N, C-alpha and C. Protein backbone atom coordinates (compact mmCIF):
# COMPACT_ATOMS: atom_id res chain seq x y z
N MET A 1 0.82 -1.19 0.00
CA MET A 1 0.00 0.00 0.00
C MET A 1 0.87 1.25 0.00
N LYS A 2 1.99 1.21 0.73
CA LYS A 2 2.89 2.34 0.77
C LYS A 2 3.49 2.59 -0.62
N THR A 3 3.81 1.54 -1.33
CA THR A 3 4.35 1.66 -2.69
C THR A 3 3.32 2.31 -3.61
N PHE A 4 2.07 1.95 -3.44
CA PHE A 4 1.01 2.53 -4.27
C PHE A 4 0.89 4.03 -4.03
N ARG A 5 0.99 4.50 -2.78
CA ARG A 5 0.92 5.93 -2.47
C ARG A 5 2.11 6.68 -3.07
N ILE A 6 3.27 6.11 -2.97
CA ILE A 6 4.46 6.76 -3.54
C ILE A 6 4.33 6.86 -5.05
N LEU A 7 3.86 5.77 -5.65
CA LEU A 7 3.66 5.76 -7.10
C LEU A 7 2.61 6.80 -7.50
N ALA A 8 1.53 6.91 -6.74
CA ALA A 8 0.47 7.87 -7.04
C ALA A 8 0.99 9.31 -6.92
N VAL A 9 1.79 9.58 -5.91
CA VAL A 9 2.37 10.91 -5.72
C VAL A 9 3.30 11.25 -6.89
N LEU A 10 4.11 10.29 -7.30
CA LEU A 10 5.03 10.52 -8.43
C LEU A 10 4.27 10.79 -9.72
N VAL A 11 3.21 10.03 -9.96
CA VAL A 11 2.41 10.23 -11.17
C VAL A 11 1.78 11.63 -11.14
N MET A 12 1.23 12.03 -9.99
CA MET A 12 0.62 13.36 -9.87
C MET A 12 1.66 14.45 -10.10
N ALA A 13 2.86 14.28 -9.59
CA ALA A 13 3.91 15.27 -9.78
C ALA A 13 4.28 15.40 -11.25
N VAL A 14 4.38 14.28 -11.96
CA VAL A 14 4.70 14.30 -13.39
C VAL A 14 3.59 14.98 -14.16
N VAL A 15 2.33 14.68 -13.81
CA VAL A 15 1.19 15.29 -14.49
C VAL A 15 1.19 16.81 -14.26
N CYS A 16 1.43 17.25 -13.05
CA CYS A 16 1.44 18.69 -12.73
C CYS A 16 2.54 19.41 -13.49
N VAL A 17 3.72 18.84 -13.52
CA VAL A 17 4.84 19.45 -14.25
C VAL A 17 4.53 19.50 -15.74
N SER A 18 3.98 18.44 -16.27
CA SER A 18 3.66 18.39 -17.70
C SER A 18 2.62 19.43 -18.07
N LEU A 19 1.58 19.57 -17.28
CA LEU A 19 0.54 20.53 -17.58
C LEU A 19 1.02 21.97 -17.46
N SER A 20 1.84 22.25 -16.48
CA SER A 20 2.30 23.62 -16.30
C SER A 20 3.30 24.02 -17.37
N SER A 21 3.99 23.10 -17.97
CA SER A 21 4.96 23.44 -19.01
C SER A 21 4.31 23.53 -20.38
N CYS A 22 3.04 23.22 -20.48
CA CYS A 22 2.35 23.25 -21.78
C CYS A 22 1.46 24.47 -21.93
N SER A 23 1.80 25.56 -21.27
CA SER A 23 0.96 26.75 -21.43
C SER A 23 1.16 27.33 -22.82
N LYS A 24 0.09 27.96 -23.32
CA LYS A 24 0.19 28.49 -24.67
C LYS A 24 0.95 29.80 -24.67
N ASP A 25 1.48 30.16 -25.80
CA ASP A 25 2.27 31.37 -25.96
C ASP A 25 1.34 32.57 -25.97
N ASP A 26 1.44 33.42 -24.93
CA ASP A 26 0.57 34.58 -24.80
C ASP A 26 1.19 35.85 -25.37
N ASP A 27 2.38 35.80 -25.94
CA ASP A 27 3.06 36.99 -26.41
C ASP A 27 2.27 37.75 -27.46
N ASN A 28 1.57 37.07 -28.33
CA ASN A 28 0.86 37.74 -29.41
C ASN A 28 -0.54 38.18 -29.02
N GLU A 29 -1.01 37.81 -27.85
CA GLU A 29 -2.38 38.17 -27.47
C GLU A 29 -2.52 39.66 -27.18
N ASP A 30 -1.46 40.33 -26.74
CA ASP A 30 -1.53 41.75 -26.42
C ASP A 30 -1.43 42.63 -27.66
N LYS A 31 -0.95 42.10 -28.76
CA LYS A 31 -0.79 42.88 -29.98
C LYS A 31 -2.11 42.91 -30.75
N PRO A 32 -2.49 44.11 -31.18
CA PRO A 32 -3.73 44.17 -31.96
C PRO A 32 -3.54 43.52 -33.32
N VAL A 33 -4.58 42.89 -33.82
CA VAL A 33 -4.55 42.31 -35.15
C VAL A 33 -4.91 43.42 -36.13
N ILE A 34 -3.99 43.74 -37.02
CA ILE A 34 -4.18 44.84 -37.96
C ILE A 34 -4.35 44.24 -39.35
N GLU A 35 -5.55 44.38 -39.90
CA GLU A 35 -5.82 43.90 -41.25
C GLU A 35 -5.93 45.10 -42.18
N GLN A 36 -5.01 45.14 -43.14
CA GLN A 36 -4.92 46.27 -44.06
C GLN A 36 -6.23 46.56 -44.78
N ALA A 37 -6.97 45.52 -45.13
CA ALA A 37 -8.24 45.71 -45.85
C ALA A 37 -9.22 46.56 -45.05
N ASN A 38 -9.17 46.49 -43.73
CA ASN A 38 -10.07 47.29 -42.89
C ASN A 38 -9.79 48.79 -42.99
N LEU A 39 -8.58 49.16 -43.40
CA LEU A 39 -8.21 50.57 -43.47
C LEU A 39 -8.86 51.29 -44.65
N ILE A 40 -9.16 50.57 -45.72
CA ILE A 40 -9.68 51.17 -46.94
C ILE A 40 -11.06 51.79 -46.69
N GLY A 41 -11.21 53.06 -47.05
CA GLY A 41 -12.48 53.77 -46.89
C GLY A 41 -12.28 55.16 -46.34
N LYS A 42 -13.40 55.84 -46.06
CA LYS A 42 -13.38 57.18 -45.49
C LYS A 42 -13.63 57.10 -43.98
N TRP A 43 -12.85 57.86 -43.24
CA TRP A 43 -12.91 57.85 -41.78
C TRP A 43 -13.16 59.27 -41.26
N GLN A 44 -14.02 59.39 -40.26
CA GLN A 44 -14.32 60.67 -39.61
C GLN A 44 -13.91 60.58 -38.14
N SER A 45 -13.18 61.58 -37.66
CA SER A 45 -12.76 61.55 -36.26
C SER A 45 -13.96 61.75 -35.33
N THR A 46 -13.88 61.14 -34.14
CA THR A 46 -14.94 61.26 -33.15
C THR A 46 -14.41 61.73 -31.80
N TRP A 47 -13.15 61.40 -31.49
CA TRP A 47 -12.60 61.70 -30.18
C TRP A 47 -11.10 61.90 -30.28
N GLN A 48 -10.56 62.78 -29.43
CA GLN A 48 -9.11 62.99 -29.43
C GLN A 48 -8.62 63.20 -28.00
N LYS A 49 -7.50 62.55 -27.71
CA LYS A 49 -6.89 62.66 -26.38
C LYS A 49 -5.42 63.00 -26.58
N THR A 50 -4.96 64.04 -25.86
CA THR A 50 -3.56 64.46 -25.97
C THR A 50 -2.89 64.33 -24.62
N HIS A 51 -1.70 63.70 -24.65
CA HIS A 51 -0.85 63.57 -23.47
C HIS A 51 0.41 64.39 -23.72
N GLU A 52 0.72 65.32 -22.85
CA GLU A 52 2.01 66.00 -22.92
C GLU A 52 2.97 65.27 -21.99
N ILE A 53 4.22 65.36 -22.31
CA ILE A 53 5.25 64.75 -21.47
C ILE A 53 5.86 65.87 -20.62
N VAL A 54 5.62 65.80 -19.31
CA VAL A 54 6.11 66.80 -18.38
C VAL A 54 6.99 66.10 -17.35
N ASN A 55 8.25 66.49 -17.31
CA ASN A 55 9.21 65.86 -16.40
C ASN A 55 9.22 64.35 -16.54
N GLY A 56 9.11 63.87 -17.78
CA GLY A 56 9.19 62.44 -18.06
C GLY A 56 7.90 61.67 -17.81
N LYS A 57 6.83 62.37 -17.42
CA LYS A 57 5.57 61.69 -17.15
C LYS A 57 4.48 62.21 -18.10
N GLU A 58 3.56 61.30 -18.46
CA GLU A 58 2.45 61.69 -19.31
C GLU A 58 1.37 62.41 -18.50
N VAL A 59 0.94 63.57 -19.02
CA VAL A 59 -0.12 64.35 -18.39
C VAL A 59 -1.18 64.60 -19.46
N VAL A 60 -2.42 64.21 -19.19
CA VAL A 60 -3.50 64.41 -20.15
C VAL A 60 -3.84 65.90 -20.19
N THR A 61 -3.72 66.50 -21.38
CA THR A 61 -4.03 67.93 -21.53
C THR A 61 -5.37 68.16 -22.21
N SER A 62 -5.85 67.18 -22.95
CA SER A 62 -7.20 67.27 -23.51
C SER A 62 -7.73 65.87 -23.74
N ASP A 63 -9.02 65.72 -23.59
CA ASP A 63 -9.70 64.44 -23.77
C ASP A 63 -11.15 64.78 -24.10
N GLU A 64 -11.42 64.94 -25.41
CA GLU A 64 -12.71 65.50 -25.78
C GLU A 64 -13.17 65.07 -27.16
N ALA A 65 -14.44 65.30 -27.43
CA ALA A 65 -14.99 65.03 -28.75
C ALA A 65 -14.24 65.88 -29.77
N TYR A 66 -13.95 65.27 -30.92
CA TYR A 66 -13.23 65.97 -31.99
C TYR A 66 -13.73 65.42 -33.32
N THR A 67 -14.36 66.28 -34.11
CA THR A 67 -14.95 65.82 -35.37
C THR A 67 -14.36 66.53 -36.58
N ASN A 68 -13.25 67.23 -36.43
CA ASN A 68 -12.66 68.00 -37.52
C ASN A 68 -11.65 67.22 -38.35
N GLY A 69 -11.35 66.00 -37.99
CA GLY A 69 -10.35 65.23 -38.72
C GLY A 69 -10.99 64.17 -39.59
N SER A 70 -10.40 63.95 -40.75
CA SER A 70 -10.89 62.88 -41.61
C SER A 70 -9.75 62.37 -42.48
N TRP A 71 -9.90 61.13 -42.90
CA TRP A 71 -8.97 60.47 -43.81
C TRP A 71 -9.77 59.67 -44.81
N GLU A 72 -9.19 59.53 -46.00
CA GLU A 72 -9.70 58.56 -46.95
C GLU A 72 -8.49 57.75 -47.42
N PHE A 73 -8.53 56.45 -47.15
CA PHE A 73 -7.46 55.54 -47.57
C PHE A 73 -7.98 54.71 -48.74
N LYS A 74 -7.21 54.71 -49.83
CA LYS A 74 -7.61 53.97 -51.03
C LYS A 74 -6.73 52.73 -51.20
N ALA A 75 -7.28 51.74 -51.87
CA ALA A 75 -6.58 50.46 -52.07
C ALA A 75 -5.31 50.61 -52.89
N ASP A 76 -5.20 51.67 -53.69
CA ASP A 76 -4.01 51.86 -54.52
C ASP A 76 -2.84 52.48 -53.75
N GLY A 77 -2.98 52.66 -52.43
CA GLY A 77 -1.90 53.20 -51.61
C GLY A 77 -1.89 54.71 -51.51
N THR A 78 -2.93 55.36 -52.01
CA THR A 78 -3.04 56.81 -51.86
C THR A 78 -4.03 57.11 -50.75
N CYS A 79 -3.92 58.32 -50.22
CA CYS A 79 -4.86 58.75 -49.18
C CYS A 79 -5.02 60.26 -49.26
N ILE A 80 -6.10 60.73 -48.68
CA ILE A 80 -6.39 62.15 -48.63
C ILE A 80 -6.74 62.48 -47.18
N GLU A 81 -6.10 63.52 -46.68
CA GLU A 81 -6.32 63.93 -45.30
C GLU A 81 -7.17 65.19 -45.26
N TYR A 82 -8.00 65.30 -44.25
CA TYR A 82 -8.82 66.47 -43.95
C TYR A 82 -9.80 66.84 -45.04
N ASP A 83 -9.58 67.99 -45.68
CA ASP A 83 -10.59 68.57 -46.58
C ASP A 83 -10.51 68.06 -48.01
N GLY A 84 -9.72 67.04 -48.26
CA GLY A 84 -9.64 66.49 -49.61
C GLY A 84 -8.61 67.15 -50.48
N THR A 85 -7.81 68.05 -49.92
CA THR A 85 -6.80 68.76 -50.72
C THR A 85 -5.37 68.39 -50.34
N THR A 86 -5.19 67.46 -49.43
CA THR A 86 -3.85 67.07 -49.01
C THR A 86 -3.60 65.62 -49.42
N PRO A 87 -3.21 65.40 -50.68
CA PRO A 87 -2.99 64.02 -51.13
C PRO A 87 -1.67 63.47 -50.58
N ALA A 88 -1.62 62.17 -50.41
CA ALA A 88 -0.42 61.51 -49.89
C ALA A 88 -0.46 60.04 -50.27
N ARG A 89 0.60 59.32 -49.89
CA ARG A 89 0.67 57.87 -50.08
C ARG A 89 0.79 57.24 -48.70
N TRP A 90 0.24 56.05 -48.55
CA TRP A 90 0.29 55.38 -47.26
C TRP A 90 0.84 53.96 -47.40
N THR A 91 1.48 53.50 -46.34
CA THR A 91 1.90 52.10 -46.21
C THR A 91 1.60 51.67 -44.78
N LEU A 92 1.27 50.41 -44.61
CA LEU A 92 0.97 49.85 -43.30
C LEU A 92 1.83 48.62 -43.09
N LYS A 93 2.66 48.65 -42.05
CA LYS A 93 3.50 47.49 -41.70
C LYS A 93 3.32 47.25 -40.22
N ASP A 94 2.85 46.06 -39.90
CA ASP A 94 2.50 45.71 -38.52
C ASP A 94 1.49 46.75 -38.01
N ASN A 95 1.83 47.48 -36.97
CA ASN A 95 0.89 48.48 -36.47
C ASN A 95 1.38 49.92 -36.74
N LYS A 96 2.27 50.08 -37.72
CA LYS A 96 2.79 51.40 -38.07
C LYS A 96 2.25 51.84 -39.42
N LEU A 97 1.55 52.95 -39.42
CA LEU A 97 0.98 53.55 -40.63
C LEU A 97 1.86 54.73 -41.00
N THR A 98 2.50 54.64 -42.17
CA THR A 98 3.35 55.73 -42.65
C THR A 98 2.61 56.47 -43.75
N VAL A 99 2.47 57.79 -43.58
CA VAL A 99 1.83 58.65 -44.56
C VAL A 99 2.91 59.58 -45.11
N THR A 100 3.15 59.48 -46.43
CA THR A 100 4.18 60.30 -47.08
C THR A 100 3.48 61.31 -47.99
N TYR A 101 3.72 62.59 -47.71
CA TYR A 101 3.09 63.67 -48.45
C TYR A 101 3.90 63.98 -49.72
N ASN A 102 3.30 64.72 -50.63
CA ASN A 102 3.93 65.03 -51.92
C ASN A 102 5.22 65.83 -51.77
N ASP A 103 5.38 66.57 -50.66
CA ASP A 103 6.61 67.33 -50.45
C ASP A 103 7.74 66.47 -49.87
N GLY A 104 7.47 65.16 -49.70
CA GLY A 104 8.49 64.25 -49.19
C GLY A 104 8.45 64.05 -47.68
N TYR A 105 7.71 64.88 -46.97
CA TYR A 105 7.58 64.75 -45.52
C TYR A 105 6.72 63.53 -45.20
N SER A 106 7.08 62.82 -44.13
CA SER A 106 6.32 61.63 -43.72
C SER A 106 5.93 61.72 -42.25
N ASP A 107 4.77 61.18 -41.93
CA ASP A 107 4.33 60.97 -40.56
C ASP A 107 4.23 59.47 -40.33
N VAL A 108 4.65 59.03 -39.17
CA VAL A 108 4.48 57.63 -38.78
C VAL A 108 3.52 57.62 -37.60
N LEU A 109 2.39 56.94 -37.80
CA LEU A 109 1.37 56.85 -36.76
C LEU A 109 1.29 55.42 -36.27
N THR A 110 0.97 55.25 -35.02
CA THR A 110 0.77 53.91 -34.47
C THR A 110 -0.71 53.58 -34.51
N VAL A 111 -1.02 52.42 -35.09
CA VAL A 111 -2.41 51.96 -35.14
C VAL A 111 -2.68 51.18 -33.86
N ASN A 112 -3.41 51.79 -32.94
CA ASN A 112 -3.75 51.13 -31.68
C ASN A 112 -4.89 50.14 -31.84
N GLU A 113 -5.79 50.45 -32.78
CA GLU A 113 -6.92 49.55 -33.05
C GLU A 113 -7.41 49.80 -34.47
N LEU A 114 -7.75 48.72 -35.16
CA LEU A 114 -8.32 48.82 -36.50
C LEU A 114 -9.29 47.67 -36.69
N THR A 115 -10.57 48.03 -36.80
CA THR A 115 -11.61 47.05 -37.11
C THR A 115 -12.31 47.53 -38.38
N ALA A 116 -13.35 46.86 -38.77
CA ALA A 116 -14.08 47.26 -39.96
C ALA A 116 -14.71 48.64 -39.81
N ASN A 117 -14.98 49.08 -38.57
CA ASN A 117 -15.67 50.35 -38.35
C ASN A 117 -14.97 51.31 -37.41
N LYS A 118 -13.84 50.93 -36.82
CA LYS A 118 -13.17 51.78 -35.84
C LYS A 118 -11.67 51.80 -36.09
N LEU A 119 -11.09 53.00 -36.00
CA LEU A 119 -9.66 53.21 -36.18
C LEU A 119 -9.16 54.12 -35.08
N ILE A 120 -8.12 53.70 -34.38
CA ILE A 120 -7.49 54.56 -33.37
C ILE A 120 -6.03 54.73 -33.76
N LEU A 121 -5.64 55.99 -34.01
CA LEU A 121 -4.28 56.33 -34.41
C LEU A 121 -3.61 57.17 -33.33
N ALA A 122 -2.33 56.90 -33.07
CA ALA A 122 -1.56 57.70 -32.13
C ALA A 122 -0.39 58.35 -32.86
N PHE A 123 -0.24 59.65 -32.66
CA PHE A 123 0.85 60.41 -33.28
C PHE A 123 1.76 60.93 -32.18
N GLU A 124 3.04 60.63 -32.28
CA GLU A 124 4.03 61.12 -31.32
C GLU A 124 4.73 62.33 -31.91
N ASP A 125 4.75 63.44 -31.15
CA ASP A 125 5.40 64.68 -31.58
C ASP A 125 6.73 64.79 -30.86
N TRP A 126 7.81 64.68 -31.62
CA TRP A 126 9.16 64.74 -31.08
C TRP A 126 9.76 66.11 -31.36
N ASP A 127 10.44 66.69 -30.38
CA ASP A 127 11.11 67.98 -30.52
C ASP A 127 12.62 67.77 -30.47
N ASN A 128 13.34 68.62 -31.19
CA ASN A 128 14.81 68.59 -31.14
C ASN A 128 15.28 69.25 -29.85
N THR A 129 16.32 68.67 -29.27
CA THR A 129 16.90 69.24 -28.05
C THR A 129 18.15 70.03 -28.41
N ASP A 130 18.62 70.84 -27.47
CA ASP A 130 19.80 71.67 -27.70
C ASP A 130 21.06 70.85 -27.97
N ASP A 131 21.11 69.64 -27.43
CA ASP A 131 22.29 68.80 -27.61
C ASP A 131 22.23 67.94 -28.88
N GLY A 132 21.25 68.21 -29.75
CA GLY A 132 21.14 67.49 -31.01
C GLY A 132 20.29 66.24 -30.95
N GLY A 133 19.75 65.93 -29.80
CA GLY A 133 18.89 64.75 -29.66
C GLY A 133 17.43 65.10 -29.89
N GLU A 134 16.59 64.19 -29.50
CA GLU A 134 15.15 64.41 -29.60
C GLU A 134 14.49 64.02 -28.28
N GLU A 135 13.38 64.69 -27.98
CA GLU A 135 12.60 64.32 -26.81
C GLU A 135 11.12 64.32 -27.19
N LEU A 136 10.38 63.41 -26.58
CA LEU A 136 8.96 63.29 -26.86
C LEU A 136 8.22 64.44 -26.19
N ASP A 137 7.50 65.24 -27.00
CA ASP A 137 6.78 66.39 -26.50
C ASP A 137 5.35 66.02 -26.11
N ASP A 138 4.63 65.33 -27.03
CA ASP A 138 3.27 64.92 -26.71
C ASP A 138 2.85 63.76 -27.61
N ILE A 139 1.78 63.10 -27.20
CA ILE A 139 1.17 62.00 -27.96
C ILE A 139 -0.31 62.34 -28.13
N THR A 140 -0.76 62.36 -29.38
CA THR A 140 -2.17 62.63 -29.66
C THR A 140 -2.79 61.35 -30.20
N THR A 141 -3.83 60.88 -29.54
CA THR A 141 -4.54 59.68 -29.94
C THR A 141 -5.92 60.09 -30.44
N THR A 142 -6.22 59.72 -31.69
CA THR A 142 -7.50 60.10 -32.30
C THR A 142 -8.28 58.85 -32.67
N THR A 143 -9.55 58.84 -32.33
CA THR A 143 -10.47 57.75 -32.66
C THR A 143 -11.30 58.19 -33.86
N TYR A 144 -11.45 57.26 -34.81
CA TYR A 144 -12.23 57.52 -36.04
C TYR A 144 -13.30 56.46 -36.19
N LYS A 145 -14.38 56.84 -36.87
CA LYS A 145 -15.39 55.88 -37.28
C LYS A 145 -15.43 55.86 -38.81
N LYS A 146 -15.66 54.68 -39.37
CA LYS A 146 -15.73 54.57 -40.83
C LYS A 146 -17.07 55.11 -41.30
N ILE A 147 -17.02 55.99 -42.33
CA ILE A 147 -18.26 56.55 -42.85
C ILE A 147 -18.61 56.02 -44.23
N THR A 148 -17.61 55.52 -44.97
CA THR A 148 -17.88 54.81 -46.23
C THR A 148 -16.79 53.78 -46.45
N LYS A 149 -17.10 52.77 -47.24
CA LYS A 149 -16.12 51.72 -47.52
C LYS A 149 -15.42 51.96 -48.82
């Protein structure tokens, strides 16, 4: 009977170790799934939140309804910002949306969320420092709703 208990304890220990080592990989669960096809269409802004960086900490300076922003992303890689007079080209890699304007200037926005009807973009504003480096000045996060496909 004592041998049976020892054997049962050993089997339980092996089962516990086996089960705990078979956990699934959670690394990708925190990353948003970004499907490029969802980006195509016209988007109207609904909300905007701005964080300034003060002494290395984020401070919310505005968090309010905002309906003055719009984008139209086309399948051919072109886009139009705001009033339809600012043409540009766009590329999407992972969660980074790069918009390159006709004058050669580019903005890189972070796609925090992209579904068939909702888009959340974050823009980081970096300032040059006196020593030739850069420091993060503020982050503006804008939420959009799709108005046409």
